[in-house]
Amino acid sequence: MKSPYLKIFLALSLLLFSCIFLDISAQTSAPETCLSKHPSNDRYGSYSPDGRQVLFESDRNGNWDIFILDLQTNETKALVNSPKDERRPSWHPNGRQIIFESLIDENSSDLHTLDIASSQSQIVLDQSKLKGNLNFARFSPNGEQIAFTYVNNEGTFEIYLFQIKDNSLTKISDNPYRNVYPYWSPNGKELLCFSRKDTQNEDDEVYRINLKNNKWKRLTNWPKHNFCPAWSNNGKKIAHVISMENSRPEIYIMNKNGKKLKRITYNEDGDTLPSWSPNDDKLLITAYRNGNFEICELQIEQ
């Protein structure tokens, strides 16, 4: 039988942990506005660099295509619409191009870019270099590199950098576990990702990767999954998702060092895929509402 003093010590330790690392004062979700308002599934939203448009994927035409929402006119139009599935778009830092996945089959995809003004697309990375799925691609802040997740046919998840100018690849991950969702720091010197490298493949944790020396710093240590991290544009905060056992995922914000964790959504349905607005006062999330996924906007306290 455990000593009553041990029980008291454990209880006080848990309380102290909560006070130091968690902001437990908030019990209501951040103010939310649904932007997509469509009976289809709309996912993976991100603001344009000027904050005037939202890029997202939708299955409203029967398969996954790429759409853009003008926040001034509230008009939505398709940027990429084909019989194939096009997934997970993100912006070039100049705001005039996007990158997205084009699925070849369930086990393989290429990365394509699209010039928004001309509607001209081209393959930027195809199966001649890596045979498998190329996922979650993002341009570096200077537009010279692309970080992405490579899933090979054996089910290994690895993070790569692609140098656009010399058409070269660099493998960043160095372990046999799941390494997913690279997200650039504003200065381009680091990546965020989530990985199972230290949990014996049991749960996902968020890491920062220093690209100069490839040192990984673990930011989260939670009983269940931490995933989909997104760096704020001022470089001070990281939004991410926590999913506990038998519960829906919720959005949290922490400092860039992993401290002062604050929960900002309290919903019966799931919230995921956070993405910051240019001035960091809002987050786009993919939220399960009314039986389908929607792009929602959260107001964030500065």
Foldseek 3Di string as FASTA:
>chain_A
DDDVVVVVVVVVVVVVCCVWFEDPPDDAFFDKDFLPPDPWFWAQWAAQLVRQKIWIWTCVVPAIFIKMAGNVVSDIDTLGDDPWHKHNKDAQLVRQKIKIWTDPDPWETFIKMAGRVVSDMDTQGHPVVPGGYWAQWDAANVRQKIWTWGQHPVGFTWIWIAGRPVRDIDTLDDDRWHWHRWEAQLVRQKTKIWICRPPVNAAIFIWIAGPVVSDIDTQDDDPHYWGQWYAANVRFKIKTWTDDPPAAIFIWMATPNNGHIYTNHDDRWHWGNWYARNVRQKIWIFTCDPNHTTTMIGGHDD
